[in-house]
């Protein structure tokens, strides 16, 4: 699947990139190389192959480094206030953020 100039303009718009007409041929070439690699990977028959949780698990058993799920001590209000002192806006111990969805 080869990308066209229209596809490149659409992808650039979605990514909010300003692509000049001079940059389009190079970008088109690079994206077509990526798409070719994806098509090559998708053409490989993987039926009957178990997914790996870690790429090195083929070579030896991998022990995941997970921490114990333990309850931590509850912070005090003073600790919370200290941690939030640099926040631009807070209310009742919560961070206030600008509304982004109307």
N, C-alpha and C. Protein backbone atom coordinates (compact mmCIF):
# COMPACT_ATOMS: atom_id res chain seq x y z
N UNK A 1 0.85 -1.18 0.00
CA UNK A 1 0.00 0.00 0.00
C UNK A 1 0.89 1.24 0.00
N UNK A 2 0.89 1.94 -1.07
CA UNK A 2 1.69 3.16 -1.18
C UNK A 2 0.84 4.37 -0.80
N UNK A 3 1.42 5.24 -0.02
CA UNK A 3 0.73 6.46 0.39
C UNK A 3 0.84 7.51 -0.70
N UNK A 4 -0.21 8.31 -0.81
CA UNK A 4 -0.22 9.38 -1.80
C UNK A 4 0.02 10.72 -1.10
N UNK A 5 0.12 11.79 -1.89
CA UNK A 5 0.30 13.12 -1.33
C UNK A 5 -0.90 13.51 -0.47
N UNK A 6 -2.08 13.06 -0.88
CA UNK A 6 -3.28 13.33 -0.10
C UNK A 6 -3.20 12.65 1.27
N UNK A 7 -2.71 11.39 1.30
CA UNK A 7 -2.54 10.68 2.56
C UNK A 7 -1.54 11.40 3.46
N UNK A 8 -0.45 11.87 2.87
CA UNK A 8 0.58 12.57 3.64
C UNK A 8 0.01 13.84 4.25
N UNK A 9 -0.76 14.59 3.47
CA UNK A 9 -1.39 15.81 3.99
C UNK A 9 -2.36 15.49 5.11
N UNK A 10 -3.12 14.40 4.97
CA UNK A 10 -4.07 14.01 6.00
C UNK A 10 -3.36 13.59 7.29
N UNK A 11 -2.30 12.80 7.16
CA UNK A 11 -1.54 12.37 8.34
C UNK A 11 -0.91 13.58 9.03
N UNK A 12 -0.37 14.50 8.24
CA UNK A 12 0.24 15.71 8.81
C UNK A 12 -0.81 16.54 9.55
N UNK A 13 -2.01 16.60 9.00
CA UNK A 13 -3.08 17.36 9.67
C UNK A 13 -3.46 16.69 10.98
N UNK A 14 -3.58 15.36 10.97
CA UNK A 14 -3.92 14.64 12.20
C UNK A 14 -2.85 14.83 13.27
N UNK A 15 -1.59 14.85 12.85
CA UNK A 15 -0.48 15.00 13.79
C UNK A 15 -0.21 16.47 14.10
N UNK A 16 -0.99 17.36 13.49
CA UNK A 16 -0.82 18.79 13.68
C UNK A 16 0.60 19.24 13.34
N UNK A 17 1.09 18.74 12.20
CA UNK A 17 2.41 19.10 11.70
C UNK A 17 2.26 20.00 10.49
N UNK A 18 3.12 20.99 10.41
CA UNK A 18 3.16 21.84 9.22
C UNK A 18 4.20 21.24 8.28
N UNK A 19 3.73 20.67 7.19
CA UNK A 19 4.61 20.05 6.21
C UNK A 19 4.59 20.90 4.95
N UNK A 20 5.76 21.41 4.59
CA UNK A 20 5.85 22.23 3.38
C UNK A 20 5.85 21.32 2.16
N UNK A 21 5.52 21.85 0.99
CA UNK A 21 5.56 21.04 -0.23
C UNK A 21 6.95 20.45 -0.50
N UNK A 22 8.00 21.15 -0.06
CA UNK A 22 9.36 20.62 -0.24
C UNK A 22 9.63 19.39 0.63
N UNK A 23 8.97 19.33 1.78
CA UNK A 23 9.18 18.23 2.73
C UNK A 23 8.34 17.00 2.39
N UNK A 24 7.28 17.18 1.62
CA UNK A 24 6.35 16.07 1.35
C UNK A 24 7.00 14.87 0.68
N UNK A 25 7.86 15.02 -0.34
CA UNK A 25 8.43 13.82 -0.97
C UNK A 25 9.27 12.98 0.01
N UNK A 26 10.08 13.62 0.84
CA UNK A 26 10.90 12.87 1.80
C UNK A 26 10.02 12.17 2.83
N UNK A 27 9.00 12.88 3.32
CA UNK A 27 8.08 12.29 4.29
C UNK A 27 7.31 11.14 3.67
N UNK A 28 6.88 11.31 2.44
CA UNK A 28 6.16 10.24 1.74
C UNK A 28 7.04 9.00 1.60
N UNK A 29 8.30 9.20 1.24
CA UNK A 29 9.23 8.08 1.09
C UNK A 29 9.43 7.36 2.43
N UNK A 30 9.65 8.11 3.51
CA UNK A 30 9.88 7.50 4.82
C UNK A 30 8.64 6.76 5.31
N UNK A 31 7.47 7.36 5.15
CA UNK A 31 6.25 6.69 5.60
C UNK A 31 5.95 5.45 4.76
N UNK A 32 6.25 5.49 3.48
CA UNK A 32 6.07 4.30 2.64
C UNK A 32 7.01 3.18 3.07
N UNK A 33 8.23 3.53 3.51
CA UNK A 33 9.15 2.51 4.03
C UNK A 33 8.58 1.87 5.30
N UNK A 34 8.02 2.70 6.18
CA UNK A 34 7.42 2.18 7.41
C UNK A 34 6.23 1.29 7.08
N UNK A 35 5.38 1.73 6.16
CA UNK A 35 4.22 0.92 5.77
C UNK A 35 4.65 -0.40 5.14
N UNK A 36 5.73 -0.38 4.38
CA UNK A 36 6.26 -1.61 3.80
C UNK A 36 6.73 -2.58 4.87
N UNK A 37 7.37 -2.05 5.90
CA UNK A 37 7.81 -2.90 7.01
C UNK A 37 6.62 -3.50 7.74
N UNK A 38 5.58 -2.70 7.94
CA UNK A 38 4.37 -3.20 8.60
C UNK A 38 3.73 -4.31 7.76
N UNK A 39 3.64 -4.11 6.46
CA UNK A 39 3.07 -5.15 5.58
C UNK A 39 3.92 -6.42 5.64
N UNK A 40 5.22 -6.27 5.69
CA UNK A 40 6.11 -7.43 5.78
C UNK A 40 5.88 -8.18 7.09
N UNK A 41 5.73 -7.46 8.19
CA UNK A 41 5.48 -8.10 9.48
C UNK A 41 4.11 -8.78 9.51
N UNK A 42 3.12 -8.16 8.88
CA UNK A 42 1.77 -8.73 8.88
C UNK A 42 1.68 -9.97 8.00
N UNK A 43 2.59 -10.14 7.06
CA UNK A 43 2.53 -11.29 6.17
C UNK A 43 3.10 -12.56 6.81
N UNK A 44 3.72 -12.45 7.96
CA UNK A 44 4.31 -13.61 8.63
C UNK A 44 3.21 -14.43 9.28
N UNK A 45 3.24 -15.73 9.07
CA UNK A 45 2.25 -16.64 9.67
C UNK A 45 2.62 -16.90 11.12
N UNK A 46 1.79 -16.44 12.04
CA UNK A 46 2.06 -16.61 13.47
C UNK A 46 1.05 -17.54 14.13
N UNK A 47 0.31 -18.31 13.33
CA UNK A 47 -0.65 -19.24 13.91
C UNK A 47 0.10 -20.31 14.70
N UNK A 48 -0.38 -20.59 15.89
CA UNK A 48 0.23 -21.61 16.73
C UNK A 48 1.42 -21.12 17.53
N UNK A 49 1.76 -19.85 17.43
CA UNK A 49 2.87 -19.31 18.20
C UNK A 49 2.31 -18.56 19.39
N UNK A 50 2.75 -18.96 20.57
CA UNK A 50 2.28 -18.34 21.81
C UNK A 50 2.88 -16.94 21.97
N UNK A 51 2.06 -15.96 22.30
CA UNK A 51 2.60 -14.61 22.54
C UNK A 51 3.57 -14.61 23.72
N UNK A 52 4.56 -13.75 23.64
CA UNK A 52 5.55 -13.66 24.70
C UNK A 52 5.26 -12.46 25.60
N UNK A 53 5.43 -12.67 26.90
CA UNK A 53 5.30 -11.55 27.82
C UNK A 53 6.58 -10.73 27.82
N UNK A 54 7.68 -11.36 27.46
CA UNK A 54 8.97 -10.68 27.43
C UNK A 54 9.78 -11.32 26.30
N UNK A 55 10.49 -10.55 25.47
CA UNK A 55 11.20 -11.13 24.34
C UNK A 55 12.29 -12.13 24.74
N UNK A 56 12.86 -11.99 25.91
CA UNK A 56 13.91 -12.91 26.34
C UNK A 56 13.36 -14.20 26.95
N UNK A 57 12.04 -14.31 27.09
CA UNK A 57 11.47 -15.51 27.69
C UNK A 57 11.65 -16.73 26.78
N UNK A 58 12.03 -16.51 25.53
CA UNK A 58 12.34 -17.62 24.63
C UNK A 58 13.63 -18.31 25.09
N UNK A 59 14.56 -17.52 25.58
CA UNK A 59 15.87 -18.04 25.95
C UNK A 59 15.91 -18.64 27.34
N UNK A 60 15.25 -18.01 28.30
CA UNK A 60 15.23 -18.52 29.68
C UNK A 60 14.04 -17.94 30.42
N UNK A 61 13.75 -18.55 31.56
CA UNK A 61 12.61 -18.07 32.35
C UNK A 61 12.89 -16.67 32.87
N UNK A 62 11.92 -15.82 32.76
CA UNK A 62 12.04 -14.44 33.21
C UNK A 62 11.19 -14.28 34.46
N UNK A 63 11.81 -13.74 35.49
CA UNK A 63 11.07 -13.44 36.70
C UNK A 63 10.76 -11.95 36.69
N UNK A 64 9.48 -11.63 36.68
CA UNK A 64 9.10 -10.23 36.64
C UNK A 64 9.42 -9.56 37.96
N UNK A 65 9.97 -8.36 37.87
CA UNK A 65 10.34 -7.62 39.07
C UNK A 65 9.16 -6.77 39.51
N UNK A 66 8.28 -7.36 40.25
CA UNK A 66 7.11 -6.64 40.73
C UNK A 66 7.25 -6.42 42.23
N UNK A 67 6.80 -5.30 42.70
CA UNK A 67 6.86 -5.04 44.13
C UNK A 67 5.69 -5.74 44.81
N UNK A 68 5.84 -5.96 46.07
CA UNK A 68 4.76 -6.56 46.85
C UNK A 68 3.59 -5.58 46.90
N UNK A 69 2.39 -6.11 46.82
CA UNK A 69 1.21 -5.29 46.90
C UNK A 69 0.88 -5.10 48.37
N UNK A 70 1.43 -4.06 48.94
CA UNK A 70 1.24 -3.84 50.37
C UNK A 70 0.64 -2.46 50.60
N UNK A 71 -0.05 -2.35 51.68
CA UNK A 71 -0.70 -1.11 52.04
C UNK A 71 0.35 -0.15 52.60
N UNK A 72 0.31 1.08 52.14
CA UNK A 72 1.24 2.09 52.63
C UNK A 72 0.57 2.93 53.70
N UNK A 73 1.41 3.52 54.52
CA UNK A 73 0.88 4.39 55.57
C UNK A 73 0.15 5.57 54.94
N UNK A 74 -0.93 5.98 55.56
CA UNK A 74 -1.72 7.10 55.06
C UNK A 74 -0.97 8.40 55.35
N UNK A 75 -0.93 9.25 54.34
CA UNK A 75 -0.29 10.55 54.52
C UNK A 75 -1.16 11.44 55.40
N UNK A 76 -0.51 12.36 56.05
CA UNK A 76 -1.25 13.32 56.87
C UNK A 76 -1.62 14.52 56.01
N UNK A 77 -2.51 15.33 56.52
CA UNK A 77 -2.91 16.53 55.80
C UNK A 77 -1.72 17.47 55.65
N UNK A 78 -0.86 17.51 56.65
CA UNK A 78 0.33 18.36 56.57
C UNK A 78 1.25 17.89 55.44
N UNK A 79 1.42 16.56 55.30
CA UNK A 79 2.26 16.02 54.21
C UNK A 79 1.63 16.36 52.86
N UNK A 80 0.32 16.21 52.75
CA UNK A 80 -0.37 16.52 51.51
C UNK A 80 -0.19 17.98 51.16
N UNK A 81 -0.37 18.86 52.13
CA UNK A 81 -0.22 20.29 51.86
C UNK A 81 1.21 20.63 51.44
N UNK A 82 2.18 19.97 52.05
CA UNK A 82 3.58 20.19 51.68
C UNK A 82 3.83 19.76 50.24
N UNK A 83 3.28 18.62 49.83
CA UNK A 83 3.48 18.12 48.47
C UNK A 83 2.76 18.98 47.44
N UNK A 84 1.68 19.61 47.83
CA UNK A 84 0.88 20.38 46.88
C UNK A 84 1.20 21.87 46.89
N UNK A 85 2.20 22.28 47.64
CA UNK A 85 2.46 23.72 47.77
C UNK A 85 2.90 24.37 46.47
N UNK A 86 3.48 23.61 45.54
CA UNK A 86 3.91 24.19 44.26
C UNK A 86 2.86 24.08 43.16
N UNK A 87 1.74 23.47 43.47
CA UNK A 87 0.69 23.32 42.46
C UNK A 87 0.10 24.69 42.13
N UNK A 88 -0.18 24.95 40.86
CA UNK A 88 -0.72 26.26 40.50
C UNK A 88 -2.12 26.52 41.06
N UNK A 89 -2.93 25.47 41.21
CA UNK A 89 -4.28 25.67 41.75
C UNK A 89 -4.73 24.40 42.46
N UNK A 90 -5.25 24.56 43.67
CA UNK A 90 -5.76 23.43 44.45
C UNK A 90 -7.06 23.84 45.14
N UNK A 91 -7.83 22.84 45.53
CA UNK A 91 -9.04 23.07 46.32
C UNK A 91 -9.37 21.79 47.06
N UNK A 92 -9.50 21.88 48.36
CA UNK A 92 -9.87 20.74 49.21
C UNK A 92 -8.93 19.55 49.01
N UNK A 93 -7.63 19.82 48.84
CA UNK A 93 -6.66 18.75 48.68
C UNK A 93 -6.61 18.13 47.30
N UNK A 94 -7.23 18.76 46.33
CA UNK A 94 -7.23 18.26 44.97
C UNK A 94 -6.55 19.26 44.04
N UNK A 95 -5.90 18.74 43.00
CA UNK A 95 -5.32 19.61 41.97
C UNK A 95 -6.44 20.12 41.08
N UNK A 96 -6.42 21.40 40.77
CA UNK A 96 -7.38 21.97 39.83
C UNK A 96 -6.68 22.13 38.49
N UNK A 97 -7.35 21.68 37.44
CA UNK A 97 -6.80 21.76 36.09
C UNK A 97 -7.78 22.48 35.20
N UNK A 98 -7.30 23.12 34.14
CA UNK A 98 -8.22 23.82 33.24
C UNK A 98 -9.14 22.84 32.51
N UNK A 99 -10.34 23.28 32.25
CA UNK A 99 -11.31 22.47 31.53
C UNK A 99 -10.86 22.40 30.06
N UNK A 100 -10.81 21.19 29.52
CA UNK A 100 -10.40 21.03 28.13
C UNK A 100 -11.53 20.54 27.24
N UNK A 101 -12.60 20.04 27.84
CA UNK A 101 -13.75 19.57 27.07
C UNK A 101 -14.95 20.38 27.51
N UNK A 102 -15.60 20.96 26.55
CA UNK A 102 -16.79 21.79 26.86
C UNK A 102 -17.99 20.92 27.06
